[in-house]
Amino acid sequence: MNVLLYGKKDCCLCEDAKAILHELQQEHDFTWKEIDIYNDNVLLERYQIMIPVIEIEGEEVQAGIIQKDVISKRLTKSS
């Protein structure tokens, strides 16, 4: 299962989201990739005020303050 984290450098909410993803990898089988929205103008326009954004299998699951239980439930649904 593929998970994408849209964020940027020096973003405390993005760091929190990364920590949650690392924790969830202990419970669920998935890989994740971080994408810096400042490297793509389309992503920057789309997500600038929403980051971090977690996308699972093409679905935007949560943005802003990421909650571990919400992401965990979605990962369970996909497995």
N, C-alpha and C. Protein backbone atom coordinates (compact mmCIF):
# COMPACT_ATOMS: atom_id res chain seq x y z
N MET A 1 0.85 -1.17 0.00
CA MET A 1 0.00 0.00 0.00
C MET A 1 0.90 1.24 0.00
N ASN A 2 0.52 2.22 -0.78
CA ASN A 2 1.30 3.44 -0.90
C ASN A 2 0.63 4.61 -0.20
N VAL A 3 1.43 5.33 0.56
CA VAL A 3 0.97 6.51 1.28
C VAL A 3 1.86 7.67 0.87
N LEU A 4 1.24 8.80 0.59
CA LEU A 4 1.98 10.02 0.26
C LEU A 4 1.74 11.05 1.35
N LEU A 5 2.81 11.74 1.72
CA LEU A 5 2.72 12.85 2.67
C LEU A 5 3.16 14.11 1.94
N TYR A 6 2.22 15.00 1.72
CA TYR A 6 2.53 16.29 1.09
C TYR A 6 2.84 17.27 2.21
N GLY A 7 3.99 17.93 2.09
CA GLY A 7 4.39 18.88 3.13
C GLY A 7 5.48 19.80 2.62
N LYS A 8 6.25 20.34 3.56
CA LYS A 8 7.37 21.22 3.22
C LYS A 8 8.39 21.15 4.34
N LYS A 9 9.57 21.70 4.08
CA LYS A 9 10.62 21.75 5.09
C LYS A 9 10.22 22.71 6.21
N ASP A 10 10.74 22.45 7.39
CA ASP A 10 10.53 23.32 8.56
C ASP A 10 9.05 23.53 8.88
N CYS A 11 8.29 22.45 8.83
CA CYS A 11 6.86 22.48 9.14
C CYS A 11 6.63 21.55 10.33
N CYS A 12 6.27 22.11 11.47
CA CYS A 12 6.11 21.29 12.67
C CYS A 12 4.96 20.29 12.53
N LEU A 13 3.89 20.66 11.87
CA LEU A 13 2.79 19.72 11.67
C LEU A 13 3.21 18.57 10.75
N CYS A 14 4.08 18.88 9.79
CA CYS A 14 4.59 17.83 8.89
C CYS A 14 5.47 16.86 9.66
N GLU A 15 6.28 17.38 10.57
CA GLU A 15 7.12 16.52 11.41
C GLU A 15 6.26 15.61 12.27
N ASP A 16 5.17 16.15 12.82
CA ASP A 16 4.24 15.33 13.60
C ASP A 16 3.64 14.23 12.74
N ALA A 17 3.27 14.57 11.51
CA ALA A 17 2.68 13.58 10.60
C ALA A 17 3.68 12.48 10.28
N LYS A 18 4.94 12.84 10.08
CA LYS A 18 5.97 11.84 9.80
C LYS A 18 6.13 10.89 10.98
N ALA A 19 6.11 11.44 12.19
CA ALA A 19 6.23 10.60 13.38
C ALA A 19 5.06 9.62 13.48
N ILE A 20 3.87 10.08 13.15
CA ILE A 20 2.69 9.21 13.16
C ILE A 20 2.84 8.10 12.13
N LEU A 21 3.30 8.44 10.94
CA LEU A 21 3.49 7.42 9.90
C LEU A 21 4.52 6.38 10.32
N HIS A 22 5.61 6.84 10.96
CA HIS A 22 6.62 5.89 11.44
C HIS A 22 6.01 4.95 12.48
N GLU A 23 5.22 5.48 13.40
CA GLU A 23 4.55 4.65 14.41
C GLU A 23 3.61 3.65 13.76
N LEU A 24 2.84 4.10 12.79
CA LEU A 24 1.86 3.22 12.15
C LEU A 24 2.50 2.13 11.32
N GLN A 25 3.73 2.33 10.89
CA GLN A 25 4.42 1.27 10.14
C GLN A 25 4.70 0.06 11.03
N GLN A 26 4.67 0.24 12.33
CA GLN A 26 4.85 -0.89 13.25
C GLN A 26 3.59 -1.75 13.29
N GLU A 27 2.45 -1.16 12.93
CA GLU A 27 1.16 -1.84 13.03
C GLU A 27 0.58 -2.25 11.67
N HIS A 28 0.99 -1.57 10.61
CA HIS A 28 0.41 -1.79 9.28
C HIS A 28 1.54 -1.94 8.26
N ASP A 29 1.24 -2.68 7.19
CA ASP A 29 2.21 -2.89 6.13
C ASP A 29 1.99 -1.85 5.03
N PHE A 30 2.83 -0.82 5.00
CA PHE A 30 2.75 0.19 3.95
C PHE A 30 4.08 0.90 3.81
N THR A 31 4.27 1.51 2.67
CA THR A 31 5.42 2.37 2.44
C THR A 31 4.90 3.78 2.25
N TRP A 32 5.71 4.74 2.58
CA TRP A 32 5.27 6.12 2.40
C TRP A 32 6.40 6.96 1.82
N LYS A 33 5.97 8.01 1.17
CA LYS A 33 6.91 8.92 0.51
C LYS A 33 6.50 10.34 0.86
N GLU A 34 7.50 11.15 1.15
CA GLU A 34 7.26 12.56 1.44
C GLU A 34 7.48 13.38 0.18
N ILE A 35 6.55 14.27 -0.11
CA ILE A 35 6.64 15.13 -1.29
C ILE A 35 6.60 16.58 -0.84
N ASP A 36 7.66 17.32 -1.18
CA ASP A 36 7.74 18.74 -0.84
C ASP A 36 6.94 19.53 -1.87
N ILE A 37 5.88 20.17 -1.42
CA ILE A 37 5.00 20.88 -2.34
C ILE A 37 5.69 22.08 -2.99
N TYR A 38 6.79 22.55 -2.39
CA TYR A 38 7.50 23.69 -2.96
C TYR A 38 8.36 23.32 -4.17
N ASN A 39 8.40 22.04 -4.50
CA ASN A 39 9.12 21.60 -5.69
C ASN A 39 8.20 21.43 -6.89
N ASP A 40 6.91 21.76 -6.74
CA ASP A 40 5.94 21.57 -7.82
C ASP A 40 4.87 22.66 -7.69
N ASN A 41 4.80 23.54 -8.68
CA ASN A 41 3.86 24.67 -8.60
C ASN A 41 2.40 24.24 -8.49
N VAL A 42 2.05 23.14 -9.15
CA VAL A 42 0.67 22.65 -9.08
C VAL A 42 0.35 22.19 -7.65
N LEU A 43 1.27 21.43 -7.05
CA LEU A 43 1.05 20.98 -5.67
C LEU A 43 1.06 22.15 -4.70
N LEU A 44 1.92 23.11 -4.93
CA LEU A 44 1.98 24.29 -4.07
C LEU A 44 0.65 25.03 -4.08
N GLU A 45 0.10 25.23 -5.27
CA GLU A 45 -1.19 25.92 -5.37
C GLU A 45 -2.30 25.11 -4.71
N ARG A 46 -2.24 23.81 -4.86
CA ARG A 46 -3.30 22.93 -4.36
C ARG A 46 -3.28 22.78 -2.83
N TYR A 47 -2.08 22.65 -2.26
CA TYR A 47 -1.97 22.28 -0.85
C TYR A 47 -1.36 23.34 0.07
N GLN A 48 -1.04 24.50 -0.45
CA GLN A 48 -0.28 25.49 0.31
C GLN A 48 -0.79 25.73 1.73
N ILE A 49 -2.07 25.89 1.91
CA ILE A 49 -2.59 26.18 3.26
C ILE A 49 -3.17 24.94 3.94
N MET A 50 -3.00 23.78 3.32
CA MET A 50 -3.59 22.54 3.86
C MET A 50 -2.58 21.63 4.53
N ILE A 51 -1.28 21.80 4.27
CA ILE A 51 -0.28 20.81 4.68
C ILE A 51 -0.21 20.67 6.19
N PRO A 52 0.15 19.48 6.62
CA PRO A 52 0.43 18.30 5.83
C PRO A 52 -0.85 17.65 5.31
N VAL A 53 -0.72 16.94 4.21
CA VAL A 53 -1.83 16.18 3.64
C VAL A 53 -1.36 14.74 3.49
N ILE A 54 -2.17 13.80 3.96
CA ILE A 54 -1.87 12.39 3.78
C ILE A 54 -2.84 11.80 2.78
N GLU A 55 -2.25 11.16 1.77
CA GLU A 55 -3.02 10.52 0.71
C GLU A 55 -2.72 9.02 0.75
N ILE A 56 -3.77 8.21 0.77
CA ILE A 56 -3.61 6.76 0.78
C ILE A 56 -4.30 6.19 -0.43
N GLU A 57 -3.53 5.49 -1.25
CA GLU A 57 -4.06 4.87 -2.47
C GLU A 57 -4.88 5.87 -3.29
N GLY A 58 -4.36 7.10 -3.43
CA GLY A 58 -5.00 8.10 -4.27
C GLY A 58 -6.10 8.90 -3.61
N GLU A 59 -6.42 8.62 -2.35
CA GLU A 59 -7.48 9.33 -1.63
C GLU A 59 -6.87 10.23 -0.57
N GLU A 60 -7.23 11.52 -0.60
CA GLU A 60 -6.79 12.43 0.45
C GLU A 60 -7.57 12.07 1.71
N VAL A 61 -6.84 11.61 2.72
CA VAL A 61 -7.48 11.10 3.92
C VAL A 61 -7.58 12.16 5.00
N GLN A 62 -6.52 12.94 5.17
CA GLN A 62 -6.55 13.94 6.22
C GLN A 62 -5.55 15.04 5.91
N ALA A 63 -5.85 16.26 6.40
CA ALA A 63 -4.97 17.41 6.20
C ALA A 63 -4.91 18.22 7.49
N GLY A 64 -3.83 18.98 7.63
CA GLY A 64 -3.68 19.82 8.81
C GLY A 64 -3.16 19.03 9.99
N ILE A 65 -3.90 19.01 11.05
CA ILE A 65 -3.50 18.24 12.23
C ILE A 65 -3.88 16.78 11.98
N ILE A 66 -2.85 15.95 11.83
CA ILE A 66 -3.06 14.54 11.50
C ILE A 66 -3.33 13.74 12.77
N GLN A 67 -4.37 12.94 12.72
CA GLN A 67 -4.74 12.11 13.87
C GLN A 67 -4.43 10.65 13.56
N LYS A 68 -3.65 10.05 14.45
CA LYS A 68 -3.19 8.68 14.25
C LYS A 68 -4.35 7.71 14.05
N ASP A 69 -5.41 7.84 14.84
CA ASP A 69 -6.52 6.89 14.74
C ASP A 69 -7.23 6.98 13.40
N VAL A 70 -7.34 8.17 12.83
CA VAL A 70 -7.99 8.33 11.52
C VAL A 70 -7.17 7.63 10.43
N ILE A 71 -5.88 7.84 10.46
CA ILE A 71 -5.00 7.22 9.46
C ILE A 71 -4.98 5.71 9.65
N SER A 72 -4.93 5.26 10.89
CA SER A 72 -4.91 3.83 11.18
C SER A 72 -6.17 3.14 10.67
N LYS A 73 -7.33 3.76 10.88
CA LYS A 73 -8.59 3.18 10.39
C LYS A 73 -8.57 3.07 8.87
N ARG A 74 -8.06 4.07 8.20
CA ARG A 74 -8.02 4.05 6.74
C ARG A 74 -7.05 2.99 6.24
N LEU A 75 -5.92 2.83 6.93
CA LEU A 75 -4.96 1.80 6.54
C LEU A 75 -5.56 0.41 6.73
N THR A 76 -6.31 0.23 7.80
CA THR A 76 -6.97 -1.05 8.07
C THR A 76 -7.99 -1.37 6.96
N LYS A 77 -8.71 -0.35 6.55
CA LYS A 77 -9.72 -0.50 5.49
C LYS A 77 -9.08 -0.95 4.17
N SER A 78 -7.86 -0.47 3.91
CA SER A 78 -7.19 -0.78 2.65
C SER A 78 -6.47 -2.13 2.64
N SER A 79 -6.27 -2.70 3.82
CA SER A 79 -5.48 -3.95 3.85
C SER A 79 -6.32 -5.18 3.63
